[in-house]
Amino acid sequence: MATFKEKHDAAGARYAAAVAELRAAYGELAALHRKASMPGFGYPPEIVPLRHTRFAPDVSGSFADDVRAALDNMQSSAA
């Protein structure tokens, strides 16, 4: 049987991975919508509430930054 610490660490690792995946998926999907002039997301959500003192302390930037990075990546891939 897993201890509290093991369960806590496993949940924290999943959380950190989920935050990273959410940002990547949001950025890519929003960039694709923007490139195709399709409606999609409204105003980007705040990123600070996703921080966790132990498992995601370095969450910074913004979802808008993620979209710009995804667009830049798409443009450099197309070249």
PDB file of N, CA and C in Angstrom:
ATOM      1  N   MET A   1       0.847  -1.186   0.000  1.00  0.00           N
ATOM      2  CA  MET A   1       0.000   0.000   0.000  1.00  0.00           C
ATOM      3  C   MET A   1       0.888   1.244   0.000  1.00  0.00           C
ATOM      4  N   ALA A   2       0.562   2.172  -0.867  1.00  0.00           N
ATOM      5  CA  ALA A   2       1.347   3.389  -1.003  1.00  0.00           C
ATOM      6  C   ALA A   2       1.159   4.286   0.213  1.00  0.00           C
ATOM      7  N   THR A   3       2.228   4.945   0.575  1.00  0.00           N
ATOM      8  CA  THR A   3       2.169   5.886   1.685  1.00  0.00           C
ATOM      9  C   THR A   3       1.573   7.208   1.211  1.00  0.00           C
ATOM     10  N   PHE A   4       1.232   8.052   2.153  1.00  0.00           N
ATOM     11  CA  PHE A   4       0.730   9.382   1.818  1.00  0.00           C
ATOM     12  C   PHE A   4       1.739  10.112   0.941  1.00  0.00           C
ATOM     13  N   LYS A   5       3.013  10.087   1.320  1.00  0.00           N
ATOM     14  CA  LYS A   5       4.052  10.791   0.562  1.00  0.00           C
ATOM     15  C   LYS A   5       4.135  10.264  -0.868  1.00  0.00           C
ATOM     16  N   GLU A   6       4.084   8.961  -1.057  1.00  0.00           N
ATOM     17  CA  GLU A   6       4.133   8.385  -2.399  1.00  0.00           C
ATOM     18  C   GLU A   6       2.929   8.825  -3.234  1.00  0.00           C
ATOM     19  N   LYS A   7       1.751   8.794  -2.618  1.00  0.00           N
ATOM     20  CA  LYS A   7       0.535   9.237  -3.326  1.00  0.00           C
ATOM     21  C   LYS A   7       0.624  10.723  -3.661  1.00  0.00           C
ATOM     22  N   HIS A   8       1.098  11.503  -2.699  1.00  0.00           N
ATOM     23  CA  HIS A   8       1.234  12.946  -2.880  1.00  0.00           C
ATOM     24  C   HIS A   8       2.219  13.257  -4.001  1.00  0.00           C
ATOM     25  N   ASP A   9       3.369  12.607  -3.990  1.00  0.00           N
ATOM     26  CA  ASP A   9       4.376  12.833  -5.023  1.00  0.00           C
ATOM     27  C   ASP A   9       3.875  12.406  -6.398  1.00  0.00           C
ATOM     28  N   ALA A  10       3.160  11.295  -6.455  1.00  0.00           N
ATOM     29  CA  ALA A  10       2.617  10.821  -7.738  1.00  0.00           C
ATOM     30  C   ALA A  10       1.573  11.797  -8.278  1.00  0.00           C
ATOM     31  N   ALA A  11       0.700  12.274  -7.414  1.00  0.00           N
ATOM     32  CA  ALA A  11      -0.319  13.244  -7.836  1.00  0.00           C
ATOM     33  C   ALA A  11       0.342  14.546  -8.272  1.00  0.00           C
ATOM     34  N   GLY A  12       1.370  14.968  -7.563  1.00  0.00           N
ATOM     35  CA  GLY A  12       2.092  16.186  -7.922  1.00  0.00           C
ATOM     36  C   GLY A  12       2.787  16.064  -9.274  1.00  0.00           C
ATOM     37  N   ALA A  13       3.386  14.912  -9.528  1.00  0.00           N
ATOM     38  CA  ALA A  13       4.037  14.690 -10.826  1.00  0.00           C
ATOM     39  C   ALA A  13       3.008  14.700 -11.951  1.00  0.00           C
ATOM     40  N   ARG A  14       1.858  14.089 -11.721  1.00  0.00           N
ATOM     41  CA  ARG A  14       0.790  14.111 -12.725  1.00  0.00           C
ATOM     42  C   ARG A  14       0.312  15.533 -12.957  1.00  0.00           C
ATOM     43  N   TYR A  15       0.193  16.309 -11.888  1.00  0.00           N
ATOM     44  CA  TYR A  15      -0.250  17.695 -12.004  1.00  0.00           C
ATOM     45  C   TYR A  15       0.738  18.502 -12.846  1.00  0.00           C
ATOM     46  N   ALA A  16       2.018  18.376 -12.544  1.00  0.00           N
ATOM     47  CA  ALA A  16       3.034  19.117 -13.293  1.00  0.00           C
ATOM     48  C   ALA A  16       2.977  18.743 -14.774  1.00  0.00           C
ATOM     49  N   ALA A  17       2.832  17.460 -15.072  1.00  0.00           N
ATOM     50  CA  ALA A  17       2.739  17.017 -16.467  1.00  0.00           C
ATOM     51  C   ALA A  17       1.462  17.551 -17.119  1.00  0.00           C
ATOM     52  N   ALA A  18       0.371  17.583 -16.374  1.00  0.00           N
ATOM     53  CA  ALA A  18      -0.901  18.069 -16.917  1.00  0.00           C
ATOM     54  C   ALA A  18      -0.839  19.563 -17.226  1.00  0.00           C
ATOM     55  N   VAL A  19      -0.206  20.335 -16.381  1.00  0.00           N
ATOM     56  CA  VAL A  19      -0.057  21.770 -16.638  1.00  0.00           C
ATOM     57  C   VAL A  19       0.760  21.984 -17.912  1.00  0.00           C
ATOM     58  N   ALA A  20       1.848  21.253 -18.052  1.00  0.00           N
ATOM     59  CA  ALA A  20       2.675  21.375 -19.253  1.00  0.00           C
ATOM     60  C   ALA A  20       1.890  20.969 -20.500  1.00  0.00           C
ATOM     61  N   GLU A  21       1.134  19.896 -20.426  1.00  0.00           N
ATOM     62  CA  GLU A  21       0.351  19.442 -21.577  1.00  0.00           C
ATOM     63  C   GLU A  21      -0.772  20.422 -21.905  1.00  0.00           C
ATOM     64  N   LEU A  22      -1.441  20.953 -20.882  1.00  0.00           N
ATOM     65  CA  LEU A  22      -2.501  21.934 -21.113  1.00  0.00           C
ATOM     66  C   LEU A  22      -1.947  23.139 -21.862  1.00  0.00           C
ATOM     67  N   ARG A  23      -0.807  23.643 -21.419  1.00  0.00           N
ATOM     68  CA  ARG A  23      -0.220  24.808 -22.076  1.00  0.00           C
ATOM     69  C   ARG A  23       0.159  24.494 -23.506  1.00  0.00           C
ATOM     70  N   ALA A  24       0.743  23.335 -23.745  1.00  0.00           N
ATOM     71  CA  ALA A  24       1.151  22.960 -25.101  1.00  0.00           C
ATOM     72  C   ALA A  24      -0.066  22.795 -26.009  1.00  0.00           C
ATOM     73  N   ALA A  25      -1.086  22.106 -25.520  1.00  0.00           N
ATOM     74  CA  ALA A  25      -2.286  21.875 -26.327  1.00  0.00           C
ATOM     75  C   ALA A  25      -3.042  23.174 -26.576  1.00  0.00           C
ATOM     76  N   TYR A  26      -3.176  24.007 -25.564  1.00  0.00           N
ATOM     77  CA  TYR A  26      -3.855  25.290 -25.721  1.00  0.00           C
ATOM     78  C   TYR A  26      -3.131  26.133 -26.759  1.00  0.00           C
ATOM     79  N   GLY A  27      -1.815  26.244 -26.615  1.00  0.00           N
ATOM     80  CA  GLY A  27      -1.048  27.057 -27.547  1.00  0.00           C
ATOM     81  C   GLY A  27      -1.180  26.574 -28.976  1.00  0.00           C
ATOM     82  N   GLU A  28      -1.060  25.263 -29.178  1.00  0.00           N
ATOM     83  CA  GLU A  28      -1.145  24.717 -30.529  1.00  0.00           C
ATOM     84  C   GLU A  28      -2.543  24.876 -31.121  1.00  0.00           C
ATOM     85  N   LEU A  29      -3.559  24.548 -30.347  1.00  0.00           N
ATOM     86  CA  LEU A  29      -4.932  24.649 -30.847  1.00  0.00           C
ATOM     87  C   LEU A  29      -5.295  26.096 -31.165  1.00  0.00           C
ATOM     88  N   ALA A  30      -4.959  27.002 -30.271  1.00  0.00           N
ATOM     89  CA  ALA A  30      -5.257  28.418 -30.513  1.00  0.00           C
ATOM     90  C   ALA A  30      -4.490  28.938 -31.728  1.00  0.00           C
ATOM     91  N   ALA A  31      -3.241  28.500 -31.894  1.00  0.00           N
ATOM     92  CA  ALA A  31      -2.451  28.929 -33.053  1.00  0.00           C
ATOM     93  C   ALA A  31      -3.064  28.407 -34.350  1.00  0.00           C
ATOM     94  N   LEU A  32      -3.487  27.164 -34.344  1.00  0.00           N
ATOM     95  CA  LEU A  32      -4.136  26.599 -35.531  1.00  0.00           C
ATOM     96  C   LEU A  32      -5.425  27.343 -35.863  1.00  0.00           C
ATOM     97  N   HIS A  33      -6.205  27.657 -34.846  1.00  0.00           N
ATOM     98  CA  HIS A  33      -7.441  28.413 -35.070  1.00  0.00           C
ATOM     99  C   HIS A  33      -7.124  29.795 -35.631  1.00  0.00           C
ATOM    100  N   ARG A  34      -6.115  30.424 -35.066  1.00  0.00           N
ATOM    101  CA  ARG A  34      -5.750  31.764 -35.524  1.00  0.00           C
ATOM    102  C   ARG A  34      -5.278  31.724 -36.977  1.00  0.00           C
ATOM    103  N   LYS A  35      -4.456  30.721 -37.304  1.00  0.00           N
ATOM    104  CA  LYS A  35      -3.951  30.588 -38.682  1.00  0.00           C
ATOM    105  C   LYS A  35      -5.078  30.357 -39.673  1.00  0.00           C
ATOM    106  N   ALA A  36      -6.102  29.624 -39.253  1.00  0.00           N
ATOM    107  CA  ALA A  36      -7.228  29.312 -40.136  1.00  0.00           C
ATOM    108  C   ALA A  36      -8.356  30.332 -40.013  1.00  0.00           C
ATOM    109  N   SER A  37      -8.158  31.382 -39.234  1.00  0.00           N
ATOM    110  CA  SER A  37      -9.184  32.397 -38.973  1.00  0.00           C
ATOM    111  C   SER A  37     -10.480  31.769 -38.473  1.00  0.00           C
ATOM    112  N   MET A  38     -10.325  30.799 -37.587  1.00  0.00           N
ATOM    113  CA  MET A  38     -11.477  30.120 -36.982  1.00  0.00           C
ATOM    114  C   MET A  38     -11.686  30.649 -35.563  1.00  0.00           C
ATOM    115  N   PRO A  39     -12.934  30.686 -35.131  1.00  0.00           N
ATOM    116  CA  PRO A  39     -13.157  31.035 -33.731  1.00  0.00           C
ATOM    117  C   PRO A  39     -12.664  29.904 -32.843  1.00  0.00           C
ATOM    118  N   GLY A  40     -12.317  30.241 -31.657  1.00  0.00           N
ATOM    119  CA  GLY A  40     -11.835  29.212 -30.733  1.00  0.00           C
ATOM    120  C   GLY A  40     -12.011  29.680 -29.308  1.00  0.00           C
ATOM    121  N   PHE A  41     -10.893  29.912 -28.662  1.00  0.00           N
ATOM    122  CA  PHE A  41     -10.912  30.352 -27.281  1.00  0.00           C
ATOM    123  C   PHE A  41     -11.242  31.835 -27.202  1.00  0.00           C
ATOM    124  N   GLY A  42     -11.783  32.235 -26.068  1.00  0.00           N
ATOM    125  CA  GLY A  42     -11.951  33.652 -25.796  1.00  0.00           C
ATOM    126  C   GLY A  42     -10.635  34.207 -25.273  1.00  0.00           C
ATOM    127  N   TYR A  43     -10.730  35.148 -24.382  1.00  0.00           N
ATOM    128  CA  TYR A  43      -9.544  35.748 -23.789  1.00  0.00           C
ATOM    129  C   TYR A  43      -8.758  34.677 -23.033  1.00  0.00           C
ATOM    130  N   PRO A  44      -7.425  34.616 -23.194  1.00  0.00           N
ATOM    131  CA  PRO A  44      -6.640  33.585 -22.516  1.00  0.00           C
ATOM    132  C   PRO A  44      -6.783  33.655 -20.991  1.00  0.00           C
ATOM    133  N   PRO A  45      -6.862  32.499 -20.334  1.00  0.00           N
ATOM    134  CA  PRO A  45      -6.979  32.480 -18.876  1.00  0.00           C
ATOM    135  C   PRO A  45      -5.673  32.899 -18.202  1.00  0.00           C
ATOM    136  N   GLU A  46      -5.780  33.258 -16.959  1.00  0.00           N
ATOM    137  CA  GLU A  46      -4.598  33.606 -16.166  1.00  0.00           C
ATOM    138  C   GLU A  46      -3.798  32.339 -15.881  1.00  0.00           C
ATOM    139  N   ILE A  47      -2.495  32.445 -15.904  1.00  0.00           N
ATOM    140  CA  ILE A  47      -1.652  31.281 -15.685  1.00  0.00           C
ATOM    141  C   ILE A  47      -1.234  31.115 -14.227  1.00  0.00           C
ATOM    142  N   VAL A  48      -1.177  32.197 -13.485  1.00  0.00           N
ATOM    143  CA  VAL A  48      -0.694  32.153 -12.103  1.00  0.00           C
ATOM    144  C   VAL A  48      -1.462  31.160 -11.232  1.00  0.00           C
ATOM    145  N   PRO A  49      -2.792  31.043 -11.360  1.00  0.00           N
ATOM    146  CA  PRO A  49      -3.493  30.078 -10.511  1.00  0.00           C
ATOM    147  C   PRO A  49      -3.069  28.621 -10.726  1.00  0.00           C
ATOM    148  N   LEU A  50      -2.350  28.341 -11.797  1.00  0.00           N
ATOM    149  CA  LEU A  50      -1.887  26.973 -12.030  1.00  0.00           C
ATOM    150  C   LEU A  50      -0.617  26.640 -11.250  1.00  0.00           C
ATOM    151  N   ARG A  51       0.010  27.642 -10.663  1.00  0.00           N
ATOM    152  CA  ARG A  51       1.234  27.393  -9.893  1.00  0.00           C
ATOM    153  C   ARG A  51       0.942  26.536  -8.677  1.00  0.00           C
ATOM    154  N   HIS A  52       1.923  25.721  -8.338  1.00  0.00           N
ATOM    155  CA  HIS A  52       1.898  24.960  -7.090  1.00  0.00           C
ATOM    156  C   HIS A  52       3.273  25.141  -6.473  1.00  0.00           C
ATOM    157  N   THR A  53       3.324  25.377  -5.184  1.00  0.00           N
ATOM    158  CA  THR A  53       4.588  25.717  -4.542  1.00  0.00           C
ATOM    159  C   THR A  53       5.663  24.648  -4.716  1.00  0.00           C
ATOM    160  N   ARG A  54       5.281  23.396  -4.806  1.00  0.00           N
ATOM    161  CA  ARG A  54       6.276  22.326  -4.942  1.00  0.00           C
ATOM    162  C   ARG A  54       6.341  21.742  -6.351  1.00  0.00           C
ATOM    163  N   PHE A  55       5.209  21.492  -6.951  1.00  0.00           N
ATOM    164  CA  PHE A  55       5.184  20.731  -8.190  1.00  0.00           C
ATOM    165  C   PHE A  55       5.155  21.579  -9.464  1.00  0.00           C
ATOM    166  N   ALA A  56       4.795  22.820  -9.363  1.00  0.00           N
ATOM    167  CA  ALA A  56       4.782  23.700 -10.537  1.00  0.00           C
ATOM    168  C   ALA A  56       5.100  25.136 -10.114  1.00  0.00           C
ATOM    169  N   PRO A  57       6.236  25.328  -9.415  1.00  0.00           N
ATOM    170  CA  PRO A  57       6.541  26.666  -8.904  1.00  0.00           C
ATOM    171  C   PRO A  57       6.981  27.659  -9.970  1.00  0.00           C
ATOM    172  N   ASP A  58       7.450  27.166 -11.095  1.00  0.00           N
ATOM    173  CA  ASP A  58       8.008  28.050 -12.120  1.00  0.00           C
ATOM    174  C   ASP A  58       7.032  28.359 -13.247  1.00  0.00           C
ATOM    175  N   VAL A  59       5.757  28.080 -13.040  1.00  0.00           N
ATOM    176  CA  VAL A  59       4.765  28.397 -14.066  1.00  0.00           C
ATOM    177  C   VAL A  59       4.739  29.911 -14.216  1.00  0.00           C
ATOM    178  N   SER A  60       5.042  30.365 -15.432  1.00  0.00           N
ATOM    179  CA  SER A  60       5.073  31.806 -15.677  1.00  0.00           C
ATOM    180  C   SER A  60       4.744  32.055 -17.132  1.00  0.00           C
ATOM    181  N   GLY A  61       4.836  33.289 -17.518  1.00  0.00           N
ATOM    182  CA  GLY A  61       4.456  33.647 -18.872  1.00  0.00           C
ATOM    183  C   GLY A  61       2.948  33.733 -18.964  1.00  0.00           C
ATOM    184  N   SER A  62       2.433  33.415 -20.138  1.00  0.00           N
ATOM    185  CA  SER A  62       0.992  33.480 -20.321  1.00  0.00           C
ATOM    186  C   SER A  62       0.584  32.524 -21.423  1.00  0.00           C
ATOM    187  N   PHE A  63      -0.709  32.241 -21.472  1.00  0.00           N
ATOM    188  CA  PHE A  63      -1.225  31.417 -22.551  1.00  0.00           C
ATOM    189  C   PHE A  63      -1.026  32.137 -23.891  1.00  0.00           C
ATOM    190  N   ALA A  64      -1.105  33.461 -23.886  1.00  0.00           N
ATOM    191  CA  ALA A  64      -0.864  34.221 -25.115  1.00  0.00           C
ATOM    192  C   ALA A  64       0.572  34.012 -25.594  1.00  0.00           C
ATOM    193  N   ASP A  65       1.531  33.935 -24.661  1.00  0.00           N
ATOM    194  CA  ASP A  65       2.919  33.625 -25.026  1.00  0.00           C
ATOM    195  C   ASP A  65       3.005  32.247 -25.671  1.00  0.00           C
ATOM    196  N   ASP A  66       2.250  31.294 -25.128  1.00  0.00           N
ATOM    197  CA  ASP A  66       2.252  29.929 -25.662  1.00  0.00           C
ATOM    198  C   ASP A  66       1.710  29.904 -27.093  1.00  0.00           C
ATOM    199  N   VAL A  67       0.692  30.707 -27.353  1.00  0.00           N
ATOM    200  CA  VAL A  67       0.110  30.772 -28.702  1.00  0.00           C
ATOM    201  C   VAL A  67       1.132  31.363 -29.670  1.00  0.00           C
ATOM    202  N   ARG A  68       1.779  32.456 -29.262  1.00  0.00           N
ATOM    203  CA  ARG A  68       2.799  33.069 -30.117  1.00  0.00           C
ATOM    204  C   ARG A  68       3.932  32.086 -30.408  1.00  0.00           C
ATOM    205  N   ALA A  69       4.361  31.348 -29.393  1.00  0.00           N
ATOM    206  CA  ALA A  69       5.437  30.363 -29.590  1.00  0.00           C
ATOM    207  C   ALA A  69       4.995  29.260 -30.548  1.00  0.00           C
ATOM    208  N   ALA A  70       3.757  28.811 -30.420  1.00  0.00           N
ATOM    209  CA  ALA A  70       3.249  27.777 -31.329  1.00  0.00           C
ATOM    210  C   ALA A  70       3.165  28.306 -32.752  1.00  0.00           C
ATOM    211  N   LEU A  71       2.735  29.545 -32.926  1.00  0.00           N
ATOM    212  CA  LEU A  71       2.692  30.152 -34.265  1.00  0.00           C
ATOM    213  C   LEU A  71       4.091  30.258 -34.856  1.00  0.00           C
ATOM    214  N   ASP A  72       5.041  30.710 -34.052  1.00  0.00           N
ATOM    215  CA  ASP A  72       6.428  30.815 -34.510  1.00  0.00           C
ATOM    216  C   ASP A  72       6.960  29.446 -34.925  1.00  0.00           C
ATOM    217  N   ASN A  73       6.634  28.432 -34.136  1.00  0.00           N
ATOM    218  CA  ASN A  73       7.075  27.072 -34.428  1.00  0.00           C
ATOM    219  C   ASN A  73       6.470  26.576 -35.745  1.00  0.00           C
ATOM    220  N   MET A  74       5.200  26.897 -35.973  1.00  0.00           N
ATOM    221  CA  MET A  74       4.540  26.490 -37.213  1.00  0.00           C
ATOM    222  C   MET A  74       5.181  27.178 -38.413  1.00  0.00           C
ATOM    223  N   GLN A  75       5.501  28.449 -38.258  1.00  0.00           N
ATOM    224  CA  GLN A  75       6.110  29.204 -39.358  1.00  0.00           C
ATOM    225  C   GLN A  75       7.514  28.717 -39.665  1.00  0.00           C
ATOM    226  N   SER A  76       8.289  28.383 -38.630  1.00  0.00           N
ATOM    227  CA  SER A  76       9.644  27.900 -38.876  1.00  0.00           C
ATOM    228  C   SER A  76       9.635  26.481 -39.421  1.00  0.00           C
ATOM    229  N   SER A  77       8.623  25.692 -39.076  1.00  0.00           N
ATOM    230  CA  SER A  77       8.487  24.332 -39.605  1.00  0.00           C
ATOM    231  C   SER A  77       8.089  24.339 -41.062  1.00  0.00           C
ATOM    232  N   ALA A  78       7.341  25.356 -41.470  1.00  0.00           N
ATOM    233  CA  ALA A  78       6.863  25.449 -42.847  1.00  0.00           C
ATOM    234  C   ALA A  78       7.971  25.900 -43.800  1.00  0.00           C
ATOM    235  N   ALA A  79       8.996  26.513 -43.256  1.00  0.00           N
ATOM    236  CA  ALA A  79      10.085  27.041 -44.105  1.00  0.00           C
ATOM    237  C   ALA A  79      10.989  25.949 -44.616  1.00  0.00           C
TER     238      ALA A  79
END
